[in-house]
Amino acid sequence: MTMITSTANPLIKQWRQLKNPSGRRAHGLFLAEGEHLCAEAVKAGRARTLLLDRDRLDRFAAWQGRGAQVIAVSAQVIAVLADSKTPQGCIAVCPLPAAPALSEAGPRLMALNRLQDPGNVGAILRTLDAAGFEGLLVDPGCADPFSPKAVRASMGAVFRVPVFSVADLGQALDALPGHCVVAGDLNGAPYFEHPPFGDKVCLLVGNEGAGLDRDLLSRADFRLRLPQPGGAESLNAAVAAGLMIYDALLRDGR
């Protein structure tokens, strides 16, 4: 088994770059930290390398021999790669997945426009996974779904839900194969009074403060407002997305 104890090791220096979007894009890799996410990465066959605290190897014995390269590392190495304040002694290095072509996208999707909180992006991925949706579209203004915080919030959904990172969300919506586009809009019609969306739907959620860009709203087949009879001006984006996802799920009879 390979062992690395120095934070100055060239591989460790490279993997430290994965904590930033540019580093993830440059190397085509991302980090999954903690026991739950490492287990999910191994289960999904997505862990290329497992970095395990050399003093806790017995704890992670079940992951060894499962296809990933295993490197025993010092606690100092774990600390410089980890994003959390209390690392659990294990980090998986995973390749960024290649999403299929939009023309092959599944029937139930969600698209995010400039959603900036990585925790919200990860939580939405987790809900999409739970509801059996087939993909998430994100535009360049969105928080990176493969950032450490988003990956943690996804609770492993990042290994199962295809992510389509698109250069232009409007053009991407136009390229979808016959999906009904449903926009969450504070000025829209009452949400739960909408007619059926059909067999293919793409739910659209916008920026936490500014909402959806006008050109995206103009592309929507439905612009709908979730009820807010209380005093809050708006819902948390991940909560709103969850309500929209489960409305589509329940009306589909699942």
C-alpha atoms as a PDB file:
ATOM      1  CA  MET A   1       0.000   0.000   0.000  1.00  0.00           C
ATOM      2  CA  THR A   2       1.278   3.442  -0.919  1.00  0.00           C
ATOM      3  CA  MET A   3       1.805   5.904   1.937  1.00  0.00           C
ATOM      4  CA  ILE A   4       2.025   9.702   1.784  1.00  0.00           C
ATOM      5  CA  THR A   5       2.811  11.686   4.915  1.00  0.00           C
ATOM      6  CA  SER A   6       3.967  15.052   3.568  1.00  0.00           C
ATOM      7  CA  THR A   7       1.628  17.846   2.520  1.00  0.00           C
ATOM      8  CA  ALA A   8       4.363  18.914   0.069  1.00  0.00           C
ATOM      9  CA  ASN A   9       3.925  15.723  -1.975  1.00  0.00           C
ATOM     10  CA  PRO A  10       3.139  16.599  -5.642  1.00  0.00           C
ATOM     11  CA  LEU A  11      -0.063  14.531  -5.651  1.00  0.00           C
ATOM     12  CA  ILE A  12      -1.313  16.244  -2.515  1.00  0.00           C
ATOM     13  CA  LYS A  13      -0.544  19.631  -4.049  1.00  0.00           C
ATOM     14  CA  GLN A  14      -2.546  18.637  -7.120  1.00  0.00           C
ATOM     15  CA  TRP A  15      -5.498  17.388  -5.092  1.00  0.00           C
ATOM     16  CA  ARG A  16      -5.543  20.546  -2.994  1.00  0.00           C
ATOM     17  CA  GLN A  17      -6.427  22.358  -6.220  1.00  0.00           C
ATOM     18  CA  LEU A  18      -9.649  20.323  -6.370  1.00  0.00           C
ATOM     19  CA  LYS A  19     -11.058  22.501  -3.608  1.00  0.00           C
ATOM     20  CA  ASN A  20     -11.439  25.248  -6.254  1.00  0.00           C
ATOM     21  CA  PRO A  21     -13.628  25.226  -9.415  1.00  0.00           C
ATOM     22  CA  SER A  22     -10.678  25.910 -11.720  1.00  0.00           C
ATOM     23  CA  GLY A  23      -8.718  23.017 -10.239  1.00  0.00           C
ATOM     24  CA  ARG A  24     -11.645  20.629 -10.636  1.00  0.00           C
ATOM     25  CA  ARG A  25     -12.071  21.630 -14.263  1.00  0.00           C
ATOM     26  CA  ALA A  26      -8.337  21.430 -14.990  1.00  0.00           C
ATOM     27  CA  HIS A  27      -7.913  17.942 -13.551  1.00  0.00           C
ATOM     28  CA  GLY A  28     -11.390  16.530 -14.202  1.00  0.00           C
ATOM     29  CA  LEU A  29     -11.642  15.409 -10.585  1.00  0.00           C
ATOM     30  CA  PHE A  30     -13.458  16.305  -7.371  1.00  0.00           C
ATOM     31  CA  LEU A  31     -13.218  15.329  -3.699  1.00  0.00           C
ATOM     32  CA  ALA A  32     -15.795  13.460  -1.622  1.00  0.00           C
ATOM     33  CA  GLU A  33     -15.053  13.754   2.072  1.00  0.00           C
ATOM     34  CA  GLY A  34     -16.253  11.706   5.033  1.00  0.00           C
ATOM     35  CA  GLU A  35     -17.339   8.131   5.682  1.00  0.00           C
ATOM     36  CA  HIS A  36     -20.796   8.351   4.123  1.00  0.00           C
ATOM     37  CA  LEU A  37     -19.642   9.982   0.888  1.00  0.00           C
ATOM     38  CA  CYS A  38     -16.622   7.702   0.537  1.00  0.00           C
ATOM     39  CA  ALA A  39     -18.891   4.689   0.996  1.00  0.00           C
ATOM     40  CA  GLU A  40     -21.271   6.073  -1.648  1.00  0.00           C
ATOM     41  CA  ALA A  41     -18.366   6.685  -4.032  1.00  0.00           C
ATOM     42  CA  VAL A  42     -17.087   3.125  -3.584  1.00  0.00           C
ATOM     43  CA  LYS A  43     -20.583   1.669  -3.957  1.00  0.00           C
ATOM     44  CA  ALA A  44     -21.138   3.608  -7.190  1.00  0.00           C
ATOM     45  CA  GLY A  45     -17.718   2.611  -8.542  1.00  0.00           C
ATOM     46  CA  ARG A  46     -16.765   6.283  -8.704  1.00  0.00           C
ATOM     47  CA  ALA A  47     -13.829   6.384  -6.270  1.00  0.00           C
ATOM     48  CA  ARG A  48     -10.590   6.508  -8.258  1.00  0.00           C
ATOM     49  CA  THR A  49      -8.408   6.947  -5.180  1.00  0.00           C
ATOM     50  CA  LEU A  50      -9.155   6.598  -1.477  1.00  0.00           C
ATOM     51  CA  LEU A  51      -7.049   8.612   0.940  1.00  0.00           C
ATOM     52  CA  LEU A  52      -7.280   6.983   4.355  1.00  0.00           C
ATOM     53  CA  ASP A  53      -5.829   8.088   7.673  1.00  0.00           C
ATOM     54  CA  ARG A  54      -2.968   5.676   8.311  1.00  0.00           C
ATOM     55  CA  ASP A  55      -3.926   5.465  11.989  1.00  0.00           C
ATOM     56  CA  ARG A  56      -7.502   4.377  11.175  1.00  0.00           C
ATOM     57  CA  LEU A  57      -7.030   1.894   8.332  1.00  0.00           C
ATOM     58  CA  ASP A  58      -8.899  -0.884  10.150  1.00  0.00           C
ATOM     59  CA  ARG A  59     -12.010   1.295  10.259  1.00  0.00           C
ATOM     60  CA  PHE A  60     -12.059   1.474   6.465  1.00  0.00           C
ATOM     61  CA  ALA A  61     -11.031  -2.122   5.718  1.00  0.00           C
ATOM     62  CA  ALA A  62     -14.317  -2.901   3.911  1.00  0.00           C
ATOM     63  CA  TRP A  63     -13.483  -0.414   1.125  1.00  0.00           C
ATOM     64  CA  GLN A  64     -10.107  -1.899   0.295  1.00  0.00           C
ATOM     65  CA  GLY A  65      -9.969  -4.182  -2.717  1.00  0.00           C
ATOM     66  CA  ARG A  66     -13.084  -2.596  -4.248  1.00  0.00           C
ATOM     67  CA  GLY A  67     -11.387  -1.156  -7.325  1.00  0.00           C
ATOM     68  CA  ALA A  68     -10.047   2.141  -5.985  1.00  0.00           C
ATOM     69  CA  GLN A  69      -6.387   2.831  -5.352  1.00  0.00           C
ATOM     70  CA  VAL A  70      -5.848   3.100  -1.587  1.00  0.00           C
ATOM     71  CA  ILE A  71      -3.256   5.490  -0.179  1.00  0.00           C
ATOM     72  CA  ALA A  72      -2.530   5.692   3.528  1.00  0.00           C
ATOM     73  CA  VAL A  73      -1.946   9.304   4.523  1.00  0.00           C
ATOM     74  CA  SER A  74      -1.099  11.292   7.617  1.00  0.00           C
ATOM     75  CA  ALA A  75      -3.654  13.272   9.572  1.00  0.00           C
ATOM     76  CA  GLN A  76      -1.920  16.408   8.302  1.00  0.00           C
ATOM     77  CA  VAL A  77      -2.621  15.412   4.691  1.00  0.00           C
ATOM     78  CA  ILE A  78      -6.285  14.779   5.487  1.00  0.00           C
ATOM     79  CA  ALA A  79      -6.470  18.180   7.186  1.00  0.00           C
ATOM     80  CA  VAL A  80      -5.157  20.146   4.194  1.00  0.00           C
ATOM     81  CA  LEU A  81      -7.502  18.378   1.760  1.00  0.00           C
ATOM     82  CA  ALA A  82     -10.611  18.351   3.928  1.00  0.00           C
ATOM     83  CA  ASP A  83     -13.203  21.110   3.804  1.00  0.00           C
ATOM     84  CA  SER A  84     -14.903  20.264   7.102  1.00  0.00           C
ATOM     85  CA  LYS A  85     -13.611  21.416  10.489  1.00  0.00           C
ATOM     86  CA  THR A  86     -13.578  17.890  11.921  1.00  0.00           C
ATOM     87  CA  PRO A  87     -12.418  15.471   9.190  1.00  0.00           C
ATOM     88  CA  GLN A  88     -13.384  11.827   9.512  1.00  0.00           C
ATOM     89  CA  GLY A  89     -10.117  10.481   8.170  1.00  0.00           C
ATOM     90  CA  CYS A  90     -11.156   9.534   4.652  1.00  0.00           C
ATOM     91  CA  ILE A  91     -11.407  11.326   1.306  1.00  0.00           C
ATOM     92  CA  ALA A  92     -12.269   9.906  -2.125  1.00  0.00           C
ATOM     93  CA  VAL A  93     -10.798  11.396  -5.299  1.00  0.00           C
ATOM     94  CA  CYS A  94     -13.442  10.973  -8.007  1.00  0.00           C
ATOM     95  CA  PRO A  95     -13.567  11.769 -11.738  1.00  0.00           C
ATOM     96  CA  LEU A  96     -16.035  14.402 -12.844  1.00  0.00           C
ATOM     97  CA  PRO A  97     -18.822  12.544 -14.641  1.00  0.00           C
ATOM     98  CA  ALA A  98     -19.587  13.121 -18.294  1.00  0.00           C
ATOM     99  CA  ALA A  99     -23.278  13.940 -18.712  1.00  0.00           C
ATOM    100  CA  PRO A 100     -25.115  12.492 -21.713  1.00  0.00           C
ATOM    101  CA  ALA A 101     -26.252  14.725 -24.551  1.00  0.00           C
ATOM    102  CA  LEU A 102     -29.282  16.895 -23.811  1.00  0.00           C
ATOM    103  CA  SER A 103     -31.101  15.133 -26.629  1.00  0.00           C
ATOM    104  CA  GLU A 104     -30.841  11.968 -24.512  1.00  0.00           C
ATOM    105  CA  ALA A 105     -31.970  13.601 -21.252  1.00  0.00           C
ATOM    106  CA  GLY A 106     -34.527  11.719 -19.176  1.00  0.00           C
ATOM    107  CA  PRO A 107     -38.167  12.785 -18.885  1.00  0.00           C
ATOM    108  CA  ARG A 108     -37.975  14.519 -15.472  1.00  0.00           C
ATOM    109  CA  LEU A 109     -35.410  17.259 -15.017  1.00  0.00           C
ATOM    110  CA  MET A 110     -34.673  20.393 -13.019  1.00  0.00           C
ATOM    111  CA  ALA A 111     -32.759  23.455 -14.224  1.00  0.00           C
ATOM    112  CA  LEU A 112     -31.107  26.070 -11.996  1.00  0.00           C
ATOM    113  CA  ASN A 113     -30.455  29.663 -13.027  1.00  0.00           C
ATOM    114  CA  ARG A 114     -27.684  31.442 -11.074  1.00  0.00           C
ATOM    115  CA  LEU A 115     -28.375  29.586  -7.811  1.00  0.00           C
ATOM    116  CA  GLN A 116     -25.392  30.681  -5.753  1.00  0.00           C
ATOM    117  CA  ASP A 117     -25.511  28.696  -2.508  1.00  0.00           C
ATOM    118  CA  PRO A 118     -23.706  25.346  -2.929  1.00  0.00           C
ATOM    119  CA  GLY A 119     -25.686  23.972   0.011  1.00  0.00           C
ATOM    120  CA  ASN A 120     -28.916  24.661  -1.886  1.00  0.00           C
ATOM    121  CA  VAL A 121     -27.544  23.035  -5.041  1.00  0.00           C
ATOM    122  CA  GLY A 122     -26.510  19.930  -3.110  1.00  0.00           C
ATOM    123  CA  ALA A 123     -29.833  19.734  -1.261  1.00  0.00           C
ATOM    124  CA  ILE A 124     -31.709  19.946  -4.576  1.00  0.00           C
ATOM    125  CA  LEU A 125     -29.591  17.120  -5.976  1.00  0.00           C
ATOM    126  CA  ARG A 126     -30.493  15.041  -2.933  1.00  0.00           C
ATOM    127  CA  THR A 127     -34.218  15.684  -3.451  1.00  0.00           C
ATOM    128  CA  LEU A 128     -33.994  14.911  -7.162  1.00  0.00           C
ATOM    129  CA  ASP A 129     -32.310  11.629  -6.295  1.00  0.00           C
ATOM    130  CA  ALA A 130     -34.979  10.732  -3.728  1.00  0.00           C
ATOM    131  CA  ALA A 131     -37.773  11.499  -6.203  1.00  0.00           C
ATOM    132  CA  GLY A 132     -36.166   9.571  -9.050  1.00  0.00           C
ATOM    133  CA  PHE A 133     -35.584  12.547 -11.355  1.00  0.00           C
ATOM    134  CA  GLU A 134     -33.161  11.994 -14.205  1.00  0.00           C
ATOM    135  CA  GLY A 135     -31.005  15.096 -14.310  1.00  0.00           C
ATOM    136  CA  LEU A 136     -30.025  18.591 -13.192  1.00  0.00           C
ATOM    137  CA  LEU A 137     -29.113  21.439 -15.550  1.00  0.00           C
ATOM    138  CA  VAL A 138     -26.909  24.216 -14.151  1.00  0.00           C
ATOM    139  CA  ASP A 139     -25.774  27.407 -15.859  1.00  0.00           C
ATOM    140  CA  PRO A 140     -22.407  29.197 -15.411  1.00  0.00           C
ATOM    141  CA  GLY A 141     -23.839  31.429 -12.673  1.00  0.00           C
ATOM    142  CA  CYS A 142     -24.665  28.468 -10.439  1.00  0.00           C
ATOM    143  CA  ALA A 143     -22.594  27.183  -7.564  1.00  0.00           C
ATOM    144  CA  ASP A 144     -20.587  24.164  -8.657  1.00  0.00           C
ATOM    145  CA  PRO A 145     -22.450  20.912  -7.826  1.00  0.00           C
ATOM    146  CA  PHE A 146     -19.037  19.257  -7.322  1.00  0.00           C
ATOM    147  CA  SER A 147     -17.745  21.751  -4.754  1.00  0.00           C
ATOM    148  CA  PRO A 148     -17.062  20.260  -1.303  1.00  0.00           C
ATOM    149  CA  LYS A 149     -20.121  21.873   0.314  1.00  0.00           C
ATOM    150  CA  ALA A 150     -22.485  20.879  -2.501  1.00  0.00           C
ATOM    151  CA  VAL A 151     -21.163  17.308  -2.547  1.00  0.00           C
ATOM    152  CA  ARG A 152     -21.696  17.001   1.215  1.00  0.00           C
ATOM    153  CA  ALA A 153     -25.221  18.418   0.993  1.00  0.00           C
ATOM    154  CA  SER A 154     -26.069  15.974  -1.816  1.00  0.00           C
ATOM    155  CA  MET A 155     -25.425  13.018   0.536  1.00  0.00           C
ATOM    156  CA  GLY A 156     -24.225  10.903  -2.382  1.00  0.00           C
ATOM    157  CA  ALA A 157     -26.816  12.016  -4.944  1.00  0.00           C
ATOM    158  CA  VAL A 158     -23.980  13.565  -6.951  1.00  0.00           C
ATOM    159  CA  PHE A 159     -22.975   9.990  -7.871  1.00  0.00           C
ATOM    160  CA  ARG A 160     -26.420   9.107  -9.198  1.00  0.00           C
ATOM    161  CA  VAL A 161     -28.100  12.173 -10.725  1.00  0.00           C
ATOM    162  CA  PRO A 162     -26.628  13.311 -14.075  1.00  0.00           C
ATOM    163  CA  VAL A 163     -25.491  16.944 -14.028  1.00  0.00           C
ATOM    164  CA  PHE A 164     -25.605  18.948 -17.262  1.00  0.00           C
ATOM    165  CA  SER A 165     -23.333  21.994 -16.998  1.00  0.00           C
ATOM    166  CA  VAL A 166     -24.518  24.203 -19.853  1.00  0.00           C
ATOM    167  CA  ALA A 167     -22.997  27.376 -21.286  1.00  0.00           C
ATOM    168  CA  ASP A 168     -26.403  28.911 -22.087  1.00  0.00           C
ATOM    169  CA  LEU A 169     -29.441  27.712 -20.155  1.00  0.00           C
ATOM    170  CA  GLY A 170     -31.921  29.209 -22.608  1.00  0.00           C
ATOM    171  CA  GLN A 171     -30.380  27.332 -25.515  1.00  0.00           C
ATOM    172  CA  ALA A 172     -30.239  24.181 -23.389  1.00  0.00           C
ATOM    173  CA  LEU A 173     -33.962  24.404 -22.630  1.00  0.00           C
ATOM    174  CA  ASP A 174     -34.629  24.837 -26.362  1.00  0.00           C
ATOM    175  CA  ALA A 175     -32.592  21.687 -27.047  1.00  0.00           C
ATOM    176  CA  LEU A 176     -34.556  19.458 -24.667  1.00  0.00           C
ATOM    177  CA  PRO A 177     -36.561  16.755 -26.451  1.00  0.00           C
ATOM    178  CA  GLY A 178     -40.108  17.983 -25.875  1.00  0.00           C
ATOM    179  CA  HIS A 179     -40.034  18.843 -22.176  1.00  0.00           C
ATOM    180  CA  CYS A 180     -42.679  21.097 -20.646  1.00  0.00           C
ATOM    181  CA  VAL A 181     -40.772  23.934 -18.946  1.00  0.00           C
ATOM    182  CA  VAL A 182     -42.240  24.987 -15.588  1.00  0.00           C
ATOM    183  CA  ALA A 183     -40.863  28.147 -13.967  1.00  0.00           C
ATOM    184  CA  GLY A 184     -41.188  29.074 -10.326  1.00  0.00           C
ATOM    185  CA  ASP A 185     -42.300  32.724 -10.483  1.00  0.00           C
ATOM    186  CA  LEU A 186     -43.494  34.994  -7.677  1.00  0.00           C
ATOM    187  CA  ASN A 187     -45.723  36.741 -10.224  1.00  0.00           C
ATOM    188  CA  GLY A 188     -47.106  33.562 -11.746  1.00  0.00           C
ATOM    189  CA  ALA A 189     -50.415  31.742 -11.515  1.00  0.00           C
ATOM    190  CA  PRO A 190     -51.290  29.663  -8.410  1.00  0.00           C
ATOM    191  CA  TYR A 191     -48.989  26.653  -8.466  1.00  0.00           C
ATOM    192  CA  PHE A 192     -51.295  23.871  -7.346  1.00  0.00           C
ATOM    193  CA  GLU A 193     -54.011  24.821  -9.817  1.00  0.00           C
ATOM    194  CA  HIS A 194     -51.909  23.943 -12.852  1.00  0.00           C
ATOM    195  CA  PRO A 195     -53.061  21.421 -15.463  1.00  0.00           C
ATOM    196  CA  PRO A 196     -50.988  18.279 -16.166  1.00  0.00           C
ATOM    197  CA  PHE A 197     -47.475  18.936 -17.408  1.00  0.00           C
ATOM    198  CA  GLY A 198     -47.289  15.825 -19.561  1.00  0.00           C
ATOM    199  CA  ASP A 199     -44.797  12.981 -19.632  1.00  0.00           C
ATOM    200  CA  LYS A 200     -41.713  15.208 -19.909  1.00  0.00           C
ATOM    201  CA  VAL A 201     -41.095  18.123 -17.568  1.00  0.00           C
ATOM    202  CA  CYS A 202     -38.211  20.433 -16.700  1.00  0.00           C
ATOM    203  CA  LEU A 203     -38.700  22.461 -13.511  1.00  0.00           C
ATOM    204  CA  LEU A 204     -36.923  25.812 -13.439  1.00  0.00           C
ATOM    205  CA  VAL A 205     -35.698  27.592 -10.279  1.00  0.00           C
ATOM    206  CA  GLY A 206     -33.856  30.916 -10.206  1.00  0.00           C
ATOM    207  CA  ASN A 207     -31.426  32.912  -8.122  1.00  0.00           C
ATOM    208  CA  GLU A 208     -32.104  33.136  -4.384  1.00  0.00           C
ATOM    209  CA  GLY A 209     -32.680  36.889  -4.508  1.00  0.00           C
ATOM    210  CA  ALA A 210     -33.316  37.940  -8.102  1.00  0.00           C
ATOM    211  CA  GLY A 211     -35.291  34.944  -9.325  1.00  0.00           C
ATOM    212  CA  LEU A 212     -35.215  33.807 -12.938  1.00  0.00           C
ATOM    213  CA  ASP A 213     -33.746  35.744 -15.852  1.00  0.00           C
ATOM    214  CA  ARG A 214     -36.405  37.290 -18.093  1.00  0.00           C
ATOM    215  CA  ASP A 215     -35.393  35.345 -21.187  1.00  0.00           C
ATOM    216  CA  LEU A 216     -35.845  32.091 -19.275  1.00  0.00           C
ATOM    217  CA  LEU A 217     -39.264  33.124 -18.015  1.00  0.00           C
ATOM    218  CA  SER A 218     -40.253  33.850 -21.598  1.00  0.00           C
ATOM    219  CA  ARG A 219     -39.386  30.265 -22.528  1.00  0.00           C
ATOM    220  CA  ALA A 220     -41.571  28.714 -19.810  1.00  0.00           C
ATOM    221  CA  ASP A 221     -44.755  26.872 -20.714  1.00  0.00           C
ATOM    222  CA  PHE A 222     -46.023  27.562 -17.176  1.00  0.00           C
ATOM    223  CA  ARG A 223     -45.082  30.359 -14.763  1.00  0.00           C
ATOM    224  CA  LEU A 224     -46.367  29.354 -11.350  1.00  0.00           C
ATOM    225  CA  ARG A 225     -46.308  30.824  -7.844  1.00  0.00           C
ATOM    226  CA  LEU A 226     -46.100  28.630  -4.753  1.00  0.00           C
ATOM    227  CA  PRO A 227     -48.589  29.747  -2.050  1.00  0.00           C
ATOM    228  CA  GLN A 228     -47.146  31.907   0.739  1.00  0.00           C
ATOM    229  CA  PRO A 229     -50.014  32.935   3.025  1.00  0.00           C
ATOM    230  CA  GLY A 230     -47.613  33.842   5.829  1.00  0.00           C
ATOM    231  CA  GLY A 231     -45.302  36.785   6.258  1.00  0.00           C
ATOM    232  CA  ALA A 232     -42.191  35.527   4.437  1.00  0.00           C
ATOM    233  CA  GLU A 233     -41.378  37.240   1.146  1.00  0.00           C
ATOM    234  CA  SER A 234     -40.050  34.080  -0.437  1.00  0.00           C
ATOM    235  CA  LEU A 235     -39.150  30.442   0.158  1.00  0.00           C
ATOM    236  CA  ASN A 236     -35.659  29.033   0.403  1.00  0.00           C
ATOM    237  CA  ALA A 237     -34.684  27.920  -3.107  1.00  0.00           C
ATOM    238  CA  ALA A 238     -34.060  24.300  -2.093  1.00  0.00           C
ATOM    239  CA  VAL A 239     -37.430  24.159  -0.300  1.00  0.00           C
ATOM    240  CA  ALA A 240     -39.248  25.627  -3.301  1.00  0.00           C
ATOM    241  CA  ALA A 241     -37.491  23.171  -5.595  1.00  0.00           C
ATOM    242  CA  GLY A 242     -38.483  20.290  -3.319  1.00  0.00           C
ATOM    243  CA  LEU A 243     -42.150  21.288  -3.406  1.00  0.00           C
ATOM    244  CA  MET A 244     -42.073  21.503  -7.196  1.00  0.00           C
ATOM    245  CA  ILE A 245     -40.293  18.153  -7.514  1.00  0.00           C
ATOM    246  CA  TYR A 246     -42.753  16.312  -5.300  1.00  0.00           C
ATOM    247  CA  ASP A 247     -45.758  17.957  -6.914  1.00  0.00           C
ATOM    248  CA  ALA A 248     -44.563  16.557 -10.248  1.00  0.00           C
ATOM    249  CA  LEU A 249     -43.843  13.192  -8.643  1.00  0.00           C
ATOM    250  CA  LEU A 250     -47.243  12.843  -6.962  1.00  0.00           C
ATOM    251  CA  ARG A 251     -49.211  13.990 -10.010  1.00  0.00           C
ATOM    252  CA  ASP A 252     -47.324  11.393 -12.001  1.00  0.00           C
ATOM    253  CA  GLY A 253     -48.859   8.776  -9.711  1.00  0.00           C
ATOM    254  CA  ARG A 254     -45.566   7.585  -8.220  1.00  0.00           C
END
